[in-house]
């Protein structure tokens, strides 16, 4: 399976990695817990965004594999729309 959004995912993960290293530095510098929790929440949101991109890429792959007259195409398109609305 081709993952068209893998470069985007890789870039996002690199930013998240840097952000996590920054949180570790905040701990080492004895920053306040509220500041650290705020940054951890930001990382969690960023990870959720990565999952969203992965799911969208997967759904787009399956939609592209379904011919325009295939019975499952409408269901695949509906799944794509539903997933986009949830995430």
PDB file of N, CA and C in Angstrom:
ATOM      1  N   UNK A   1       0.850  -1.181   0.000  1.00  0.00           N
ATOM      2  CA  UNK A   1       0.000   0.000   0.000  1.00  0.00           C
ATOM      3  C   UNK A   1       0.893   1.241   0.000  1.00  0.00           C
ATOM      4  N   UNK A   2       0.526   2.221  -0.793  1.00  0.00           N
ATOM      5  CA  UNK A   2       1.261   3.476  -0.862  1.00  0.00           C
ATOM      6  C   UNK A   2       0.723   4.432   0.192  1.00  0.00           C
ATOM      7  N   UNK A   3       1.644   5.020   0.899  1.00  0.00           N
ATOM      8  CA  UNK A   3       1.272   5.989   1.923  1.00  0.00           C
ATOM      9  C   UNK A   3       1.704   7.371   1.437  1.00  0.00           C
ATOM     10  N   UNK A   4       0.782   8.085   0.813  1.00  0.00           N
ATOM     11  CA  UNK A   4       1.112   9.378   0.216  1.00  0.00           C
ATOM     12  C   UNK A   4       1.452  10.432   1.257  1.00  0.00           C
ATOM     13  N   UNK A   5       0.924  10.289   2.447  1.00  0.00           N
ATOM     14  CA  UNK A   5       1.127  11.323   3.459  1.00  0.00           C
ATOM     15  C   UNK A   5       2.263  10.992   4.426  1.00  0.00           C
ATOM     16  N   UNK A   6       3.040   9.962   4.107  1.00  0.00           N
ATOM     17  CA  UNK A   6       4.135   9.575   4.995  1.00  0.00           C
ATOM     18  C   UNK A   6       5.138  10.720   5.218  1.00  0.00           C
ATOM     19  N   UNK A   7       5.519  11.492   4.191  1.00  0.00           N
ATOM     20  CA  UNK A   7       6.447  12.606   4.452  1.00  0.00           C
ATOM     21  C   UNK A   7       5.863  13.623   5.444  1.00  0.00           C
ATOM     22  N   UNK A   8       4.583  13.922   5.297  1.00  0.00           N
ATOM     23  CA  UNK A   8       3.932  14.854   6.232  1.00  0.00           C
ATOM     24  C   UNK A   8       3.935  14.274   7.644  1.00  0.00           C
ATOM     25  N   UNK A   9       3.643  12.999   7.754  1.00  0.00           N
ATOM     26  CA  UNK A   9       3.623  12.341   9.062  1.00  0.00           C
ATOM     27  C   UNK A   9       5.017  12.360   9.677  1.00  0.00           C
ATOM     28  N   UNK A  10       6.023  12.095   8.870  1.00  0.00           N
ATOM     29  CA  UNK A  10       7.408  12.095   9.356  1.00  0.00           C
ATOM     30  C   UNK A  10       7.799  13.472   9.895  1.00  0.00           C
ATOM     31  N   UNK A  11       7.416  14.527   9.175  1.00  0.00           N
ATOM     32  CA  UNK A  11       7.715  15.890   9.633  1.00  0.00           C
ATOM     33  C   UNK A  11       7.011  16.195  10.946  1.00  0.00           C
ATOM     34  N   UNK A  12       5.748  15.797  11.041  1.00  0.00           N
ATOM     35  CA  UNK A  12       4.994  16.033  12.275  1.00  0.00           C
ATOM     36  C   UNK A  12       5.635  15.289  13.450  1.00  0.00           C
ATOM     37  N   UNK A  13       6.041  14.051  13.204  1.00  0.00           N
ATOM     38  CA  UNK A  13       6.652  13.263  14.275  1.00  0.00           C
ATOM     39  C   UNK A  13       7.985  13.870  14.720  1.00  0.00           C
ATOM     40  N   UNK A  14       8.735  14.424  13.797  1.00  0.00           N
ATOM     41  CA  UNK A  14      10.001  15.073  14.156  1.00  0.00           C
ATOM     42  C   UNK A  14       9.739  16.289  15.044  1.00  0.00           C
ATOM     43  N   UNK A  15       8.692  17.060  14.708  1.00  0.00           N
ATOM     44  CA  UNK A  15       8.345  18.207  15.548  1.00  0.00           C
ATOM     45  C   UNK A  15       7.898  17.748  16.933  1.00  0.00           C
ATOM     46  N   UNK A  16       7.123  16.685  16.967  1.00  0.00           N
ATOM     47  CA  UNK A  16       6.661  16.154  18.253  1.00  0.00           C
ATOM     48  C   UNK A  16       7.854  15.680  19.077  1.00  0.00           C
ATOM     49  N   UNK A  17       8.782  15.012  18.427  1.00  0.00           N
ATOM     50  CA  UNK A  17       9.984  14.546  19.125  1.00  0.00           C
ATOM     51  C   UNK A  17      10.732  15.727  19.756  1.00  0.00           C
ATOM     52  N   UNK A  18      10.877  16.801  19.001  1.00  0.00           N
ATOM     53  CA  UNK A  18      11.533  17.994  19.537  1.00  0.00           C
ATOM     54  C   UNK A  18      10.760  18.586  20.698  1.00  0.00           C
ATOM     55  N   UNK A  19       9.445  18.564  20.582  1.00  0.00           N
ATOM     56  CA  UNK A  19       8.595  19.096  21.639  1.00  0.00           C
ATOM     57  C   UNK A  19       8.746  18.257  22.912  1.00  0.00           C
ATOM     58  N   UNK A  20       8.799  16.943  22.771  1.00  0.00           N
ATOM     59  CA  UNK A  20       8.965  16.059  23.927  1.00  0.00           C
ATOM     60  C   UNK A  20      10.329  16.297  24.581  1.00  0.00           C
ATOM     61  N   UNK A  21      11.348  16.501  23.769  1.00  0.00           N
ATOM     62  CA  UNK A  21      12.670  16.812  24.322  1.00  0.00           C
ATOM     63  C   UNK A  21      12.616  18.119  25.103  1.00  0.00           C
ATOM     64  N   UNK A  22      11.829  19.073  24.594  1.00  0.00           N
ATOM     65  CA  UNK A  22      11.656  20.340  25.306  1.00  0.00           C
ATOM     66  C   UNK A  22      10.963  20.152  26.644  1.00  0.00           C
ATOM     67  N   UNK A  23      10.016  19.244  26.684  1.00  0.00           N
ATOM     68  CA  UNK A  23       9.327  18.950  27.949  1.00  0.00           C
ATOM     69  C   UNK A  23      10.309  18.327  28.935  1.00  0.00           C
ATOM     70  N   UNK A  24      11.135  17.416  28.433  1.00  0.00           N
ATOM     71  CA  UNK A  24      12.147  16.801  29.300  1.00  0.00           C
ATOM     72  C   UNK A  24      13.075  17.876  29.876  1.00  0.00           C
ATOM     73  N   UNK A  25      13.437  18.850  29.047  1.00  0.00           N
ATOM     74  CA  UNK A  25      14.294  19.948  29.503  1.00  0.00           C
ATOM     75  C   UNK A  25      13.573  20.782  30.560  1.00  0.00           C
ATOM     76  N   UNK A  26      12.267  20.995  30.352  1.00  0.00           N
ATOM     77  CA  UNK A  26      11.482  21.739  31.344  1.00  0.00           C
ATOM     78  C   UNK A  26      11.507  21.020  32.694  1.00  0.00           C
ATOM     79  N   UNK A  27      11.413  19.694  32.675  1.00  0.00           N
ATOM     80  CA  UNK A  27      11.487  18.918  33.911  1.00  0.00           C
ATOM     81  C   UNK A  27      12.853  19.086  34.568  1.00  0.00           C
ATOM     82  N   UNK A  28      13.899  18.993  33.750  1.00  0.00           N
ATOM     83  CA  UNK A  28      15.259  19.144  34.269  1.00  0.00           C
ATOM     84  C   UNK A  28      15.493  20.542  34.844  1.00  0.00           C
ATOM     85  N   UNK A  29      14.815  21.538  34.278  1.00  0.00           N
ATOM     86  CA  UNK A  29      14.950  22.917  34.744  1.00  0.00           C
ATOM     87  C   UNK A  29      13.979  23.244  35.876  1.00  0.00           C
ATOM     88  N   UNK A  30      13.256  22.229  36.322  1.00  0.00           N
ATOM     89  CA  UNK A  30      12.333  22.366  37.449  1.00  0.00           C
ATOM     90  C   UNK A  30      11.219  23.383  37.192  1.00  0.00           C
ATOM     91  N   UNK A  31      10.700  23.371  35.959  1.00  0.00           N
ATOM     92  CA  UNK A  31       9.564  24.242  35.624  1.00  0.00           C
ATOM     93  C   UNK A  31       8.319  23.766  36.375  1.00  0.00           C
ATOM     94  N   UNK A  32       7.337  24.607  36.438  1.00  0.00           N
ATOM     95  CA  UNK A  32       6.121  24.262  37.189  1.00  0.00           C
ATOM     96  C   UNK A  32       5.319  23.194  36.456  1.00  0.00           C
ATOM     97  N   UNK A  33       4.600  22.394  37.251  1.00  0.00           N
ATOM     98  CA  UNK A  33       3.762  21.360  36.653  1.00  0.00           C
ATOM     99  C   UNK A  33       2.707  21.920  35.702  1.00  0.00           C
ATOM    100  N   UNK A  34       2.049  23.020  36.053  1.00  0.00           N
ATOM    101  CA  UNK A  34       1.059  23.540  35.086  1.00  0.00           C
ATOM    102  C   UNK A  34       1.665  23.852  33.723  1.00  0.00           C
ATOM    103  N   UNK A  35       2.869  24.382  33.693  1.00  0.00           N
ATOM    104  CA  UNK A  35       3.536  24.663  32.416  1.00  0.00           C
ATOM    105  C   UNK A  35       3.825  23.365  31.664  1.00  0.00           C
ATOM    106  N   UNK A  36       4.288  22.371  32.393  1.00  0.00           N
ATOM    107  CA  UNK A  36       4.633  21.090  31.781  1.00  0.00           C
ATOM    108  C   UNK A  36       3.384  20.386  31.272  1.00  0.00           C
ATOM    109  N   UNK A  37       2.330  20.408  32.075  1.00  0.00           N
ATOM    110  CA  UNK A  37       1.081  19.763  31.667  1.00  0.00           C
ATOM    111  C   UNK A  37       0.541  20.421  30.398  1.00  0.00           C
ATOM    112  N   UNK A  38       0.658  21.729  30.308  1.00  0.00           N
ATOM    113  CA  UNK A  38       0.199  22.430  29.109  1.00  0.00           C
ATOM    114  C   UNK A  38       0.961  21.930  27.880  1.00  0.00           C
ATOM    115  N   UNK A  39       2.255  21.743  28.014  1.00  0.00           N
ATOM    116  CA  UNK A  39       3.059  21.272  26.887  1.00  0.00           C
ATOM    117  C   UNK A  39       2.750  19.815  26.551  1.00  0.00           C
ATOM    118  N   UNK A  40       2.513  19.010  27.565  1.00  0.00           N
ATOM    119  CA  UNK A  40       2.139  17.618  27.322  1.00  0.00           C
ATOM    120  C   UNK A  40       0.804  17.559  26.589  1.00  0.00           C
ATOM    121  N   UNK A  41      -0.126  18.426  26.965  1.00  0.00           N
ATOM    122  CA  UNK A  41      -1.414  18.483  26.269  1.00  0.00           C
ATOM    123  C   UNK A  41      -1.225  18.849  24.804  1.00  0.00           C
ATOM    124  N   UNK A  42      -0.306  19.748  24.539  1.00  0.00           N
ATOM    125  CA  UNK A  42      -0.021  20.132  23.154  1.00  0.00           C
ATOM    126  C   UNK A  42       0.534  18.936  22.370  1.00  0.00           C
ATOM    127  N   UNK A  43       1.400  18.152  22.990  1.00  0.00           N
ATOM    128  CA  UNK A  43       1.965  16.968  22.330  1.00  0.00           C
ATOM    129  C   UNK A  43       0.861  15.946  22.071  1.00  0.00           C
ATOM    130  N   UNK A  44      -0.026  15.757  23.037  1.00  0.00           N
ATOM    131  CA  UNK A  44      -1.130  14.817  22.842  1.00  0.00           C
ATOM    132  C   UNK A  44      -1.993  15.253  21.658  1.00  0.00           C
ATOM    133  N   UNK A  45      -2.252  16.546  21.559  1.00  0.00           N
ATOM    134  CA  UNK A  45      -3.022  17.057  20.422  1.00  0.00           C
ATOM    135  C   UNK A  45      -2.299  16.831  19.108  1.00  0.00           C
ATOM    136  N   UNK A  46      -1.003  17.025  19.125  1.00  0.00           N
ATOM    137  CA  UNK A  46      -0.212  16.810  17.913  1.00  0.00           C
ATOM    138  C   UNK A  46      -0.217  15.334  17.509  1.00  0.00           C
ATOM    139  N   UNK A  47      -0.142  14.444  18.482  1.00  0.00           N
ATOM    140  CA  UNK A  47      -0.209  13.011  18.183  1.00  0.00           C
ATOM    141  C   UNK A  47      -1.579  12.638  17.634  1.00  0.00           C
ATOM    142  N   UNK A  48      -2.625  13.222  18.189  1.00  0.00           N
ATOM    143  CA  UNK A  48      -3.970  12.983  17.658  1.00  0.00           C
ATOM    144  C   UNK A  48      -4.050  13.428  16.198  1.00  0.00           C
ATOM    145  N   UNK A  49      -3.403  14.533  15.885  1.00  0.00           N
ATOM    146  CA  UNK A  49      -3.397  15.022  14.498  1.00  0.00           C
ATOM    147  C   UNK A  49      -2.669  14.058  13.571  1.00  0.00           C
ATOM    148  N   UNK A  50      -1.604  13.440  14.065  1.00  0.00           N
ATOM    149  CA  UNK A  50      -0.874  12.451  13.262  1.00  0.00           C
ATOM    150  C   UNK A  50      -1.775  11.255  12.979  1.00  0.00           C
ATOM    151  N   UNK A  51      -2.492  10.806  13.988  1.00  0.00           N
ATOM    152  CA  UNK A  51      -3.414   9.685  13.794  1.00  0.00           C
ATOM    153  C   UNK A  51      -4.471  10.061  12.757  1.00  0.00           C
ATOM    154  N   UNK A  52      -4.965  11.284  12.824  1.00  0.00           N
ATOM    155  CA  UNK A  52      -5.969  11.748  11.862  1.00  0.00           C
ATOM    156  C   UNK A  52      -5.431  11.682  10.435  1.00  0.00           C
ATOM    157  N   UNK A  53      -4.215  12.153  10.238  1.00  0.00           N
ATOM    158  CA  UNK A  53      -3.614  12.131   8.902  1.00  0.00           C
ATOM    159  C   UNK A  53      -3.440  10.687   8.424  1.00  0.00           C
ATOM    160  N   UNK A  54      -3.015   9.811   9.323  1.00  0.00           N
ATOM    161  CA  UNK A  54      -2.844   8.398   8.955  1.00  0.00           C
ATOM    162  C   UNK A  54      -4.169   7.769   8.540  1.00  0.00           C
ATOM    163  N   UNK A  55      -5.204   8.022   9.310  1.00  0.00           N
ATOM    164  CA  UNK A  55      -6.514   7.451   8.998  1.00  0.00           C
ATOM    165  C   UNK A  55      -7.030   8.008   7.677  1.00  0.00           C
ATOM    166  N   UNK A  56      -6.872   9.308   7.474  1.00  0.00           N
ATOM    167  CA  UNK A  56      -7.311   9.902   6.218  1.00  0.00           C
ATOM    168  C   UNK A  56      -6.564   9.278   5.040  1.00  0.00           C
ATOM    169  N   UNK A  57      -5.265   9.073   5.198  1.00  0.00           N
ATOM    170  CA  UNK A  57      -4.462   8.474   4.132  1.00  0.00           C
ATOM    171  C   UNK A  57      -4.944   7.057   3.843  1.00  0.00           C
ATOM    172  N   UNK A  58      -5.219   6.305   4.885  1.00  0.00           N
ATOM    173  CA  UNK A  58      -5.701   4.934   4.719  1.00  0.00           C
ATOM    174  C   UNK A  58      -7.059   4.902   4.018  1.00  0.00           C
ATOM    175  N   UNK A  59      -7.970   5.761   4.462  1.00  0.00           N
ATOM    176  CA  UNK A  59      -9.299   5.804   3.852  1.00  0.00           C
ATOM    177  C   UNK A  59      -9.198   6.244   2.400  1.00  0.00           C
ATOM    178  N   UNK A  60      -8.382   7.263   2.127  1.00  0.00           N
ATOM    179  CA  UNK A  60      -8.210   7.720   0.750  1.00  0.00           C
ATOM    180  C   UNK A  60      -7.660   6.598  -0.131  1.00  0.00           C
ATOM    181  N   UNK A  61      -6.771   5.798   0.430  1.00  0.00           N
ATOM    182  CA  UNK A  61      -6.228   4.667  -0.333  1.00  0.00           C
ATOM    183  C   UNK A  61      -7.351   3.709  -0.718  1.00  0.00           C
ATOM    184  N   UNK A  62      -8.189   3.362   0.250  1.00  0.00           N
ATOM    185  CA  UNK A  62      -9.254   2.411  -0.046  1.00  0.00           C
ATOM    186  C   UNK A  62     -10.292   3.008  -0.995  1.00  0.00           C
ATOM    187  N   UNK A  63     -10.569   4.284  -0.867  1.00  0.00           N
ATOM    188  CA  UNK A  63     -11.499   4.929  -1.800  1.00  0.00           C
ATOM    189  C   UNK A  63     -10.914   4.898  -3.202  1.00  0.00           C
ATOM    190  N   UNK A  64      -9.626   5.158  -3.325  1.00  0.00           N
ATOM    191  CA  UNK A  64      -9.004   5.172  -4.652  1.00  0.00           C
ATOM    192  C   UNK A  64      -8.959   3.778  -5.272  1.00  0.00           C
ATOM    193  N   UNK A  65      -8.982   2.743  -4.447  1.00  0.00           N
ATOM    194  CA  UNK A  65      -8.957   1.371  -4.945  1.00  0.00           C
ATOM    195  C   UNK A  65     -10.333   0.879  -5.385  1.00  0.00           C
ATOM    196  N   UNK A  66     -11.372   1.637  -5.035  1.00  0.00           N
ATOM    197  CA  UNK A  66     -12.736   1.246  -5.364  1.00  0.00           C
ATOM    198  C   UNK A  66     -13.148   1.924  -6.660  1.00  0.00           C
ATOM    199  N   UNK A  67     -13.575   1.156  -7.635  1.00  0.00           N
ATOM    200  CA  UNK A  67     -13.977   1.731  -8.917  1.00  0.00           C
ATOM    201  C   UNK A  67     -15.244   2.560  -8.735  1.00  0.00           C
ATOM    202  N   UNK A  68     -15.461   3.480  -9.648  1.00  0.00           N
ATOM    203  CA  UNK A  68     -16.591   4.402  -9.529  1.00  0.00           C
ATOM    204  C   UNK A  68     -17.938   3.700  -9.563  1.00  0.00           C
ATOM    205  N   UNK A  69     -18.006   2.530 -10.166  1.00  0.00           N
ATOM    206  CA  UNK A  69     -19.289   1.839 -10.227  1.00  0.00           C
ATOM    207  C   UNK A  69     -19.377   0.673  -9.236  1.00  0.00           C
ATOM    208  N   UNK A  70     -18.367   0.512  -8.395  1.00  0.00           N
ATOM    209  CA  UNK A  70     -18.376  -0.577  -7.423  1.00  0.00           C
ATOM    210  C   UNK A  70     -19.397  -0.296  -6.324  1.00  0.00           C
ATOM    211  N   UNK A  71     -20.076  -1.351  -5.852  1.00  0.00           N
ATOM    212  CA  UNK A  71     -21.092  -1.170  -4.815  1.00  0.00           C
ATOM    213  C   UNK A  71     -20.534  -0.552  -3.527  1.00  0.00           C
ATOM    214  N   UNK A  72     -19.285  -0.812  -3.229  1.00  0.00           N
ATOM    215  CA  UNK A  72     -18.709  -0.304  -1.983  1.00  0.00           C
ATOM    216  C   UNK A  72     -18.188   1.113  -2.054  1.00  0.00           C
ATOM    217  N   UNK A  73     -18.164   1.699  -3.249  1.00  0.00           N
ATOM    218  CA  UNK A  73     -17.584   3.041  -3.395  1.00  0.00           C
ATOM    219  C   UNK A  73     -18.347   4.074  -2.574  1.00  0.00           C
ATOM    220  N   UNK A  74     -19.657   4.069  -2.640  1.00  0.00           N
ATOM    221  CA  UNK A  74     -20.443   5.032  -1.862  1.00  0.00           C
ATOM    222  C   UNK A  74     -20.182   4.857  -0.370  1.00  0.00           C
ATOM    223  N   UNK A  75     -20.096   3.619   0.064  1.00  0.00           N
ATOM    224  CA  UNK A  75     -19.816   3.354   1.477  1.00  0.00           C
ATOM    225  C   UNK A  75     -18.423   3.854   1.850  1.00  0.00           C
ATOM    226  N   UNK A  76     -17.445   3.659   0.957  1.00  0.00           N
ATOM    227  CA  UNK A  76     -16.089   4.122   1.221  1.00  0.00           C
ATOM    228  C   UNK A  76     -16.042   5.643   1.303  1.00  0.00           C
ATOM    229  N   UNK A  77     -16.757   6.314   0.404  1.00  0.00           N
ATOM    230  CA  UNK A  77     -16.805   7.777   0.446  1.00  0.00           C
ATOM    231  C   UNK A  77     -17.505   8.270   1.707  1.00  0.00           C
ATOM    232  N   UNK A  78     -18.559   7.578   2.105  1.00  0.00           N
ATOM    233  CA  UNK A  78     -19.266   7.943   3.333  1.00  0.00           C
ATOM    234  C   UNK A  78     -18.349   7.744   4.546  1.00  0.00           C
ATOM    235  N   UNK A  79     -17.591   6.661   4.538  1.00  0.00           N
ATOM    236  CA  UNK A  79     -16.627   6.410   5.623  1.00  0.00           C
ATOM    237  C   UNK A  79     -15.607   7.539   5.687  1.00  0.00           C
ATOM    238  N   UNK A  80     -15.097   7.940   4.531  1.00  0.00           N
ATOM    239  CA  UNK A  80     -14.103   9.021   4.490  1.00  0.00           C
ATOM    240  C   UNK A  80     -14.686  10.298   5.089  1.00  0.00           C
ATOM    241  N   UNK A  81     -15.899  10.637   4.703  1.00  0.00           N
ATOM    242  CA  UNK A  81     -16.551  11.853   5.227  1.00  0.00           C
ATOM    243  C   UNK A  81     -16.780  11.740   6.730  1.00  0.00           C
ATOM    244  N   UNK A  82     -17.245  10.582   7.166  1.00  0.00           N
ATOM    245  CA  UNK A  82     -17.513  10.372   8.590  1.00  0.00           C
ATOM    246  C   UNK A  82     -16.249  10.492   9.412  1.00  0.00           C
ATOM    247  N   UNK A  83     -15.185   9.852   8.949  1.00  0.00           N
ATOM    248  CA  UNK A  83     -13.907   9.901   9.670  1.00  0.00           C
ATOM    249  C   UNK A  83     -13.405  11.338   9.729  1.00  0.00           C
ATOM    250  N   UNK A  84     -13.524  12.073   8.645  1.00  0.00           N
ATOM    251  CA  UNK A  84     -13.086  13.471   8.640  1.00  0.00           C
ATOM    252  C   UNK A  84     -13.876  14.299   9.640  1.00  0.00           C
ATOM    253  N   UNK A  85     -15.159  14.030   9.764  1.00  0.00           N
ATOM    254  CA  UNK A  85     -15.983  14.782  10.720  1.00  0.00           C
ATOM    255  C   UNK A  85     -15.672  14.432  12.163  1.00  0.00           C
ATOM    256  N   UNK A  86     -15.307  13.182  12.411  1.00  0.00           N
ATOM    257  CA  UNK A  86     -15.002  12.750  13.783  1.00  0.00           C
ATOM    258  C   UNK A  86     -13.683  13.327  14.241  1.00  0.00           C
ATOM    259  N   UNK A  87     -12.701  13.285  13.333  1.00  0.00           N
ATOM    260  CA  UNK A  87     -11.362  13.714  13.710  1.00  0.00           C
ATOM    261  C   UNK A  87     -11.247  15.190  13.489  1.00  0.00           C
TER     262      UNK A  87
END
